[in-house]
PDB file of N, CA and C in Angstrom:
ATOM      1  N   MET A   1      -8.204  31.074 -12.492  1.00  0.00           N
ATOM      2  CA  MET A   1      -8.115  29.642 -12.694  1.00  0.00           C
ATOM      3  C   MET A   1      -9.493  29.139 -13.120  1.00  0.00           C
ATOM      4  N   LYS A   2      -9.491  28.305 -14.137  1.00  0.00           N
ATOM      5  CA  LYS A   2     -10.744  27.762 -14.640  1.00  0.00           C
ATOM      6  C   LYS A   2     -11.256  26.670 -13.716  1.00  0.00           C
ATOM      7  N   ARG A   3     -12.554  26.443 -13.822  1.00  0.00           N
ATOM      8  CA  ARG A   3     -13.212  25.494 -12.921  1.00  0.00           C
ATOM      9  C   ARG A   3     -12.616  24.087 -13.032  1.00  0.00           C
ATOM     10  N   TYR A   4     -12.386  23.592 -14.246  1.00  0.00           N
ATOM     11  CA  TYR A   4     -11.863  22.237 -14.412  1.00  0.00           C
ATOM     12  C   TYR A   4     -10.437  22.124 -13.881  1.00  0.00           C
ATOM     13  N   GLU A   5      -9.670  23.218 -13.960  1.00  0.00           N
ATOM     14  CA  GLU A   5      -8.315  23.200 -13.392  1.00  0.00           C
ATOM     15  C   GLU A   5      -8.379  23.108 -11.867  1.00  0.00           C
ATOM     16  N   LEU A   6      -9.299  23.857 -11.290  1.00  0.00           N
ATOM     17  CA  LEU A   6      -9.480  23.824  -9.839  1.00  0.00           C
ATOM     18  C   LEU A   6      -9.918  22.433  -9.374  1.00  0.00           C
ATOM     19  N   ILE A   7     -10.865  21.847 -10.102  1.00  0.00           N
ATOM     20  CA  ILE A   7     -11.331  20.501  -9.761  1.00  0.00           C
ATOM     21  C   ILE A   7     -10.190  19.497  -9.891  1.00  0.00           C
ATOM     22  N   SER A   8      -9.414  19.609 -10.940  1.00  0.00           N
ATOM     23  CA  SER A   8      -8.287  18.701 -11.166  1.00  0.00           C
ATOM     24  C   SER A   8      -7.258  18.813 -10.044  1.00  0.00           C
ATOM     25  N   LYS A   9      -6.908  20.039  -9.674  1.00  0.00           N
ATOM     26  CA  LYS A   9      -5.932  20.241  -8.600  1.00  0.00           C
ATOM     27  C   LYS A   9      -6.471  19.751  -7.253  1.00  0.00           C
ATOM     28  N   THR A  10      -7.752  19.993  -7.013  1.00  0.00           N
ATOM     29  CA  THR A  10      -8.373  19.534  -5.772  1.00  0.00           C
ATOM     30  C   THR A  10      -8.369  18.010  -5.705  1.00  0.00           C
ATOM     31  N   ASN A  11      -8.733  17.356  -6.798  1.00  0.00           N
ATOM     32  CA  ASN A  11      -8.729  15.893  -6.839  1.00  0.00           C
ATOM     33  C   ASN A  11      -7.330  15.329  -6.628  1.00  0.00           C
ATOM     34  N   LYS A  12      -6.344  15.952  -7.242  1.00  0.00           N
ATOM     35  CA  LYS A  12      -4.961  15.501  -7.087  1.00  0.00           C
ATOM     36  C   LYS A  12      -4.521  15.656  -5.634  1.00  0.00           C
ATOM     37  N   PHE A  13      -4.862  16.786  -5.032  1.00  0.00           N
ATOM     38  CA  PHE A  13      -4.505  17.027  -3.622  1.00  0.00           C
ATOM     39  C   PHE A  13      -5.158  15.990  -2.719  1.00  0.00           C
ATOM     40  N   LEU A  14      -6.448  15.728  -2.936  1.00  0.00           N
ATOM     41  CA  LEU A  14      -7.169  14.765  -2.103  1.00  0.00           C
ATOM     42  C   LEU A  14      -6.609  13.355  -2.279  1.00  0.00           C
ATOM     43  N   LYS A  15      -6.222  13.001  -3.498  1.00  0.00           N
ATOM     44  CA  LYS A  15      -5.647  11.686  -3.740  1.00  0.00           C
ATOM     45  C   LYS A  15      -4.322  11.538  -2.986  1.00  0.00           C
ATOM     46  N   VAL A  16      -3.481  12.549  -3.040  1.00  0.00           N
ATOM     47  CA  VAL A  16      -2.203  12.515  -2.321  1.00  0.00           C
ATOM     48  C   VAL A  16      -2.449  12.452  -0.822  1.00  0.00           C
ATOM     49  N   GLN A  17      -3.366  13.257  -0.334  1.00  0.00           N
ATOM     50  CA  GLN A  17      -3.673  13.277   1.095  1.00  0.00           C
ATOM     51  C   GLN A  17      -4.209  11.914   1.546  1.00  0.00           C
ATOM     52  N   ASN A  18      -5.097  11.317   0.771  1.00  0.00           N
ATOM     53  CA  ASN A  18      -5.650  10.012   1.104  1.00  0.00           C
ATOM     54  C   ASN A  18      -4.552   8.946   1.119  1.00  0.00           C
ATOM     55  N   THR A  19      -3.680   8.975   0.130  1.00  0.00           N
ATOM     56  CA  THR A  19      -2.572   8.020   0.067  1.00  0.00           C
ATOM     57  C   THR A  19      -1.675   8.164   1.284  1.00  0.00           C
ATOM     58  N   GLU A  20      -1.377   9.379   1.678  1.00  0.00           N
ATOM     59  CA  GLU A  20      -0.529   9.612   2.848  1.00  0.00           C
ATOM     60  C   GLU A  20      -1.197   9.105   4.128  1.00  0.00           C
ATOM     61  N   GLU A  21      -2.508   9.314   4.255  1.00  0.00           N
ATOM     62  CA  GLU A  21      -3.227   8.845   5.441  1.00  0.00           C
ATOM     63  C   GLU A  21      -3.252   7.318   5.496  1.00  0.00           C
ATOM     64  N   VAL A  22      -3.508   6.686   4.361  1.00  0.00           N
ATOM     65  CA  VAL A  22      -3.537   5.226   4.312  1.00  0.00           C
ATOM     66  C   VAL A  22      -2.154   4.677   4.634  1.00  0.00           C
ATOM     67  N   TRP A  23      -1.128   5.273   4.051  1.00  0.00           N
ATOM     68  CA  TRP A  23       0.246   4.829   4.297  1.00  0.00           C
ATOM     69  C   TRP A  23       0.605   4.987   5.776  1.00  0.00           C
ATOM     70  N   ALA A  24       0.255   6.090   6.373  1.00  0.00           N
ATOM     71  CA  ALA A  24       0.549   6.325   7.790  1.00  0.00           C
ATOM     72  C   ALA A  24      -0.146   5.282   8.656  1.00  0.00           C
ATOM     73  N   HIS A  25      -1.403   5.010   8.363  1.00  0.00           N
ATOM     74  CA  HIS A  25      -2.147   4.008   9.129  1.00  0.00           C
ATOM     75  C   HIS A  25      -1.528   2.625   8.957  1.00  0.00           C
ATOM     76  N   PHE A  26      -1.180   2.290   7.739  1.00  0.00           N
ATOM     77  CA  PHE A  26      -0.639   0.965   7.443  1.00  0.00           C
ATOM     78  C   PHE A  26       0.716   0.745   8.123  1.00  0.00           C
ATOM     79  N   THR A  27       1.553   1.748   8.145  1.00  0.00           N
ATOM     80  CA  THR A  27       2.870   1.589   8.764  1.00  0.00           C
ATOM     81  C   THR A  27       2.806   1.622  10.286  1.00  0.00           C
ATOM     82  N   GLU A  28       1.700   2.061  10.856  1.00  0.00           N
ATOM     83  CA  GLU A  28       1.540   2.043  12.312  1.00  0.00           C
ATOM     84  C   GLU A  28       1.196   0.654  12.829  1.00  0.00           C
ATOM     85  N   LEU A  29       0.757  -0.224  11.961  1.00  0.00           N
ATOM     86  CA  LEU A  29       0.414  -1.578  12.376  1.00  0.00           C
ATOM     87  C   LEU A  29       1.709  -2.333  12.671  1.00  0.00           C
ATOM     88  N   LYS A  30       1.880  -2.734  13.927  1.00  0.00           N
ATOM     89  CA  LYS A  30       3.150  -3.291  14.383  1.00  0.00           C
ATOM     90  C   LYS A  30       3.567  -4.558  13.646  1.00  0.00           C
ATOM     91  N   GLU A  31       2.676  -5.528  13.505  1.00  0.00           N
ATOM     92  CA  GLU A  31       3.027  -6.778  12.840  1.00  0.00           C
ATOM     93  C   GLU A  31       3.422  -6.556  11.395  1.00  0.00           C
ATOM     94  N   GLN A  32       2.714  -5.694  10.735  1.00  0.00           N
ATOM     95  CA  GLN A  32       2.939  -5.504   9.310  1.00  0.00           C
ATOM     96  C   GLN A  32       4.026  -4.469   9.025  1.00  0.00           C
ATOM     97  N   ASN A  33       4.432  -3.738  10.032  1.00  0.00           N
ATOM     98  CA  ASN A  33       5.411  -2.686   9.830  1.00  0.00           C
ATOM     99  C   ASN A  33       6.717  -3.228   9.255  1.00  0.00           C
ATOM    100  N   VAL A  34       7.189  -4.339   9.778  1.00  0.00           N
ATOM    101  CA  VAL A  34       8.432  -4.935   9.300  1.00  0.00           C
ATOM    102  C   VAL A  34       8.274  -5.373   7.845  1.00  0.00           C
ATOM    103  N   ILE A  35       7.134  -5.973   7.543  1.00  0.00           N
ATOM    104  CA  ILE A  35       6.892  -6.440   6.179  1.00  0.00           C
ATOM    105  C   ILE A  35       6.796  -5.264   5.219  1.00  0.00           C
ATOM    106  N   VAL A  36       6.117  -4.213   5.628  1.00  0.00           N
ATOM    107  CA  VAL A  36       5.991  -3.029   4.775  1.00  0.00           C
ATOM    108  C   VAL A  36       7.369  -2.433   4.504  1.00  0.00           C
ATOM    109  N   LYS A  37       8.180  -2.315   5.535  1.00  0.00           N
ATOM    110  CA  LYS A  37       9.532  -1.766   5.347  1.00  0.00           C
ATOM    111  C   LYS A  37      10.336  -2.634   4.388  1.00  0.00           C
ATOM    112  N   HIS A  38      10.201  -3.945   4.510  1.00  0.00           N
ATOM    113  CA  HIS A  38      10.910  -4.848   3.599  1.00  0.00           C
ATOM    114  C   HIS A  38      10.430  -4.653   2.163  1.00  0.00           C
ATOM    115  N   LEU A  39       9.112  -4.560   1.972  1.00  0.00           N
ATOM    116  CA  LEU A  39       8.566  -4.364   0.629  1.00  0.00           C
ATOM    117  C   LEU A  39       9.040  -3.055   0.010  1.00  0.00           C
ATOM    118  N   VAL A  40       9.099  -2.017   0.825  1.00  0.00           N
ATOM    119  CA  VAL A  40       9.566  -0.719   0.326  1.00  0.00           C
ATOM    120  C   VAL A  40      11.015  -0.826  -0.133  1.00  0.00           C
ATOM    121  N   GLU A  41      11.817  -1.588   0.603  1.00  0.00           N
ATOM    122  CA  GLU A  41      13.221  -1.766   0.219  1.00  0.00           C
ATOM    123  C   GLU A  41      13.365  -2.678  -0.998  1.00  0.00           C
ATOM    124  N   ALA A  42      12.510  -3.695  -1.107  1.00  0.00           N
ATOM    125  CA  ALA A  42      12.668  -4.717  -2.143  1.00  0.00           C
ATOM    126  C   ALA A  42      11.960  -4.395  -3.458  1.00  0.00           C
ATOM    127  N   CYS A  43      10.900  -3.603  -3.410  1.00  0.00           N
ATOM    128  CA  CYS A  43      10.089  -3.350  -4.607  1.00  0.00           C
ATOM    129  C   CYS A  43      10.320  -1.949  -5.149  1.00  0.00           C
ATOM    130  N   HIS A  44      10.188  -1.851  -6.438  1.00  0.00           N
ATOM    131  CA  HIS A  44      10.282  -0.547  -7.090  1.00  0.00           C
ATOM    132  C   HIS A  44       9.072   0.293  -6.703  1.00  0.00           C
ATOM    133  N   LYS A  45       9.264   1.581  -6.578  1.00  0.00           N
ATOM    134  CA  LYS A  45       8.203   2.497  -6.143  1.00  0.00           C
ATOM    135  C   LYS A  45       6.969   2.404  -7.044  1.00  0.00           C
ATOM    136  N   LYS A  46       7.172   2.251  -8.341  1.00  0.00           N
ATOM    137  CA  LYS A  46       6.046   2.194  -9.276  1.00  0.00           C
ATOM    138  C   LYS A  46       5.168   0.961  -9.002  1.00  0.00           C
ATOM    139  N   ILE A  47       5.793  -0.165  -8.655  1.00  0.00           N
ATOM    140  CA  ILE A  47       5.035  -1.381  -8.340  1.00  0.00           C
ATOM    141  C   ILE A  47       4.171  -1.151  -7.105  1.00  0.00           C
ATOM    142  N   LEU A  48       4.744  -0.516  -6.095  1.00  0.00           N
ATOM    143  CA  LEU A  48       3.986  -0.228  -4.878  1.00  0.00           C
ATOM    144  C   LEU A  48       2.839   0.737  -5.152  1.00  0.00           C
ATOM    145  N   GLU A  49       3.065   1.715  -6.014  1.00  0.00           N
ATOM    146  CA  GLU A  49       2.003   2.659  -6.374  1.00  0.00           C
ATOM    147  C   GLU A  49       0.873   1.940  -7.112  1.00  0.00           C
ATOM    148  N   LEU A  50       1.225   1.036  -8.021  1.00  0.00           N
ATOM    149  CA  LEU A  50       0.208   0.276  -8.746  1.00  0.00           C
ATOM    150  C   LEU A  50      -0.581  -0.612  -7.792  1.00  0.00           C
ATOM    151  N   TRP A  51       0.118  -1.254  -6.861  1.00  0.00           N
ATOM    152  CA  TRP A  51      -0.551  -2.082  -5.847  1.00  0.00           C
ATOM    153  C   TRP A  51      -1.549  -1.237  -5.050  1.00  0.00           C
ATOM    154  N   GLN A  52      -1.100  -0.078  -4.601  1.00  0.00           N
ATOM    155  CA  GLN A  52      -1.974   0.808  -3.817  1.00  0.00           C
ATOM    156  C   GLN A  52      -3.189   1.233  -4.631  1.00  0.00           C
ATOM    157  N   GLU A  53      -2.972   1.559  -5.897  1.00  0.00           N
ATOM    158  CA  GLU A  53      -4.070   1.994  -6.759  1.00  0.00           C
ATOM    159  C   GLU A  53      -5.103   0.877  -6.929  1.00  0.00           C
ATOM    160  N   ILE A  54      -4.631  -0.338  -7.105  1.00  0.00           N
ATOM    161  CA  ILE A  54      -5.541  -1.470  -7.276  1.00  0.00           C
ATOM    162  C   ILE A  54      -6.283  -1.759  -5.977  1.00  0.00           C
ATOM    163  N   VAL A  55      -5.562  -1.787  -4.874  1.00  0.00           N
ATOM    164  CA  VAL A  55      -6.163  -2.145  -3.588  1.00  0.00           C
ATOM    165  C   VAL A  55      -7.224  -1.127  -3.170  1.00  0.00           C
ATOM    166  N   THR A  56      -7.005   0.150  -3.451  1.00  0.00           N
ATOM    167  CA  THR A  56      -7.991   1.162  -3.052  1.00  0.00           C
ATOM    168  C   THR A  56      -9.307   1.023  -3.817  1.00  0.00           C
ATOM    169  N   LYS A  57      -9.284   0.341  -4.952  1.00  0.00           N
ATOM    170  CA  LYS A  57     -10.503   0.155  -5.744  1.00  0.00           C
ATOM    171  C   LYS A  57     -11.262  -1.109  -5.348  1.00  0.00           C
ATOM    172  N   LEU A  58     -10.648  -1.946  -4.535  1.00  0.00           N
ATOM    173  CA  LEU A  58     -11.276  -3.209  -4.137  1.00  0.00           C
ATOM    174  C   LEU A  58     -12.223  -3.006  -2.956  1.00  0.00           C
ATOM    175  N   PRO A  59     -13.211  -3.897  -2.816  1.00  0.00           N
ATOM    176  CA  PRO A  59     -14.057  -3.856  -1.619  1.00  0.00           C
ATOM    177  C   PRO A  59     -13.205  -4.133  -0.378  1.00  0.00           C
ATOM    178  N   ARG A  60     -13.648  -3.653   0.755  1.00  0.00           N
ATOM    179  CA  ARG A  60     -12.865  -3.753   1.992  1.00  0.00           C
ATOM    180  C   ARG A  60     -12.514  -5.197   2.351  1.00  0.00           C
ATOM    181  N   ASN A  61     -13.447  -6.115   2.194  1.00  0.00           N
ATOM    182  CA  ASN A  61     -13.152  -7.510   2.567  1.00  0.00           C
ATOM    183  C   ASN A  61     -12.059  -8.107   1.669  1.00  0.00           C
ATOM    184  N   ILE A  62     -12.056  -7.750   0.405  1.00  0.00           N
ATOM    185  CA  ILE A  62     -11.016  -8.232  -0.507  1.00  0.00           C
ATOM    186  C   ILE A  62      -9.681  -7.570  -0.176  1.00  0.00           C
ATOM    187  N   THR A  63      -9.722  -6.298   0.194  1.00  0.00           N
ATOM    188  CA  THR A  63      -8.501  -5.598   0.597  1.00  0.00           C
ATOM    189  C   THR A  63      -7.871  -6.274   1.804  1.00  0.00           C
ATOM    190  N   CYS A  64      -8.687  -6.615   2.796  1.00  0.00           N
ATOM    191  CA  CYS A  64      -8.171  -7.310   3.987  1.00  0.00           C
ATOM    192  C   CYS A  64      -7.590  -8.660   3.607  1.00  0.00           C
ATOM    193  N   PHE A  65      -8.270  -9.384   2.723  1.00  0.00           N
ATOM    194  CA  PHE A  65      -7.771 -10.677   2.275  1.00  0.00           C
ATOM    195  C   PHE A  65      -6.435 -10.509   1.566  1.00  0.00           C
ATOM    196  N   ALA A  66      -6.316  -9.524   0.680  1.00  0.00           N
ATOM    197  CA  ALA A  66      -5.067  -9.296  -0.056  1.00  0.00           C
ATOM    198  C   ALA A  66      -3.936  -8.928   0.899  1.00  0.00           C
ATOM    199  N   ARG A  67      -4.231  -8.108   1.895  1.00  0.00           N
ATOM    200  CA  ARG A  67      -3.211  -7.721   2.879  1.00  0.00           C
ATOM    201  C   ARG A  67      -2.732  -8.940   3.663  1.00  0.00           C
ATOM    202  N   ARG A  68      -3.682  -9.774   4.092  1.00  0.00           N
ATOM    203  CA  ARG A  68      -3.301 -10.983   4.848  1.00  0.00           C
ATOM    204  C   ARG A  68      -2.487 -11.933   3.981  1.00  0.00           C
ATOM    205  N   ALA A  69      -2.892 -12.089   2.725  1.00  0.00           N
ATOM    206  CA  ALA A  69      -2.147 -12.961   1.813  1.00  0.00           C
ATOM    207  C   ALA A  69      -0.725 -12.442   1.626  1.00  0.00           C
ATOM    208  N   LEU A  70      -0.583 -11.139   1.527  1.00  0.00           N
ATOM    209  CA  LEU A  70       0.743 -10.536   1.385  1.00  0.00           C
ATOM    210  C   LEU A  70       1.584 -10.797   2.626  1.00  0.00           C
ATOM    211  N   VAL A  71       1.000 -10.627   3.782  1.00  0.00           N
ATOM    212  CA  VAL A  71       1.710 -10.862   5.042  1.00  0.00           C
ATOM    213  C   VAL A  71       2.121 -12.323   5.144  1.00  0.00           C
ATOM    214  N   LEU A  72       1.197 -13.230   4.859  1.00  0.00           N
ATOM    215  CA  LEU A  72       1.505 -14.656   4.965  1.00  0.00           C
ATOM    216  C   LEU A  72       2.545 -15.085   3.940  1.00  0.00           C
ATOM    217  N   SER A  73       2.459 -14.560   2.730  1.00  0.00           N
ATOM    218  CA  SER A  73       3.443 -14.936   1.715  1.00  0.00           C
ATOM    219  C   SER A  73       4.827 -14.422   2.097  1.00  0.00           C
ATOM    220  N   GLU A  74       4.898 -13.242   2.675  1.00  0.00           N
ATOM    221  CA  GLU A  74       6.177 -12.677   3.105  1.00  0.00           C
ATOM    222  C   GLU A  74       6.761 -13.522   4.236  1.00  0.00           C
ATOM    223  N   GLN A  75       5.918 -13.952   5.163  1.00  0.00           N
ATOM    224  CA  GLN A  75       6.388 -14.799   6.260  1.00  0.00           C
ATOM    225  C   GLN A  75       6.873 -16.136   5.712  1.00  0.00           C
ATOM    226  N   HIS A  76       6.208 -16.662   4.696  1.00  0.00           N
ATOM    227  CA  HIS A  76       6.605 -17.923   4.078  1.00  0.00           C
ATOM    228  C   HIS A  76       7.984 -17.787   3.442  1.00  0.00           C
ATOM    229  N   PHE A  77       8.208 -16.694   2.714  1.00  0.00           N
ATOM    230  CA  PHE A  77       9.507 -16.482   2.071  1.00  0.00           C
ATOM    231  C   PHE A  77      10.615 -16.299   3.116  1.00  0.00           C
ATOM    232  N   GLU A  78      10.293 -15.627   4.209  1.00  0.00           N
ATOM    233  CA  GLU A  78      11.288 -15.443   5.254  1.00  0.00           C
ATOM    234  C   GLU A  78      11.655 -16.773   5.882  1.00  0.00           C
ATOM    235  N   SER A  79      10.679 -17.678   6.103  1.00  0.00           N
ATOM    236  CA  SER A  79      10.982 -18.970   6.707  1.00  0.00           C
ATOM    237  C   SER A  79      11.785 -19.838   5.752  1.00  0.00           C
ATOM    238  N   GLU A  80      11.539 -19.726   4.446  1.00  0.00           N
ATOM    239  CA  GLU A  80      12.335 -20.463   3.472  1.00  0.00           C
ATOM    240  C   GLU A  80      13.772 -19.966   3.455  1.00  0.00           C
ATOM    241  N   ALA A  81      13.953 -18.660   3.599  1.00  0.00           N
ATOM    242  CA  ALA A  81      15.284 -18.088   3.592  1.00  0.00           C
ATOM    243  C   ALA A  81      16.080 -18.556   4.811  1.00  0.00           C
ATOM    244  N   VAL A  82      15.404 -18.702   5.937  1.00  0.00           N
ATOM    245  CA  VAL A  82      16.065 -19.173   7.149  1.00  0.00           C
ATOM    246  C   VAL A  82      16.484 -20.624   6.996  1.00  0.00           C
ATOM    247  N   GLU A  83      15.659 -21.445   6.338  1.00  0.00           N
ATOM    248  CA  GLU A  83      15.958 -22.853   6.163  1.00  0.00           C
ATOM    249  C   GLU A  83      17.122 -23.099   5.227  1.00  0.00           C
ATOM    250  N   CYS A  84      17.361 -22.212   4.278  1.00  0.00           N
ATOM    251  CA  CYS A  84      18.401 -22.429   3.272  1.00  0.00           C
ATOM    252  C   CYS A  84      19.802 -22.335   3.822  1.00  0.00           C
TER     253      CYS A  84
END
């Protein structure tokens, strides 16, 4: 196996492993677990992958802000659905 192939496979493995670790941590959060499950059911897998790719490139404080905004927007939509 050539060096660049080994590097490519290693990078791909690490990216998958990192994604799995982040996903596991995120779904363990009790408050957000329900919202995450809803998003997985409601959104196409490609959209979620793009979201994850973008969020991992953001600074941590922006990532936290985006996560909170997502949680609050989901709660807002749920309260509107109850009112209807």
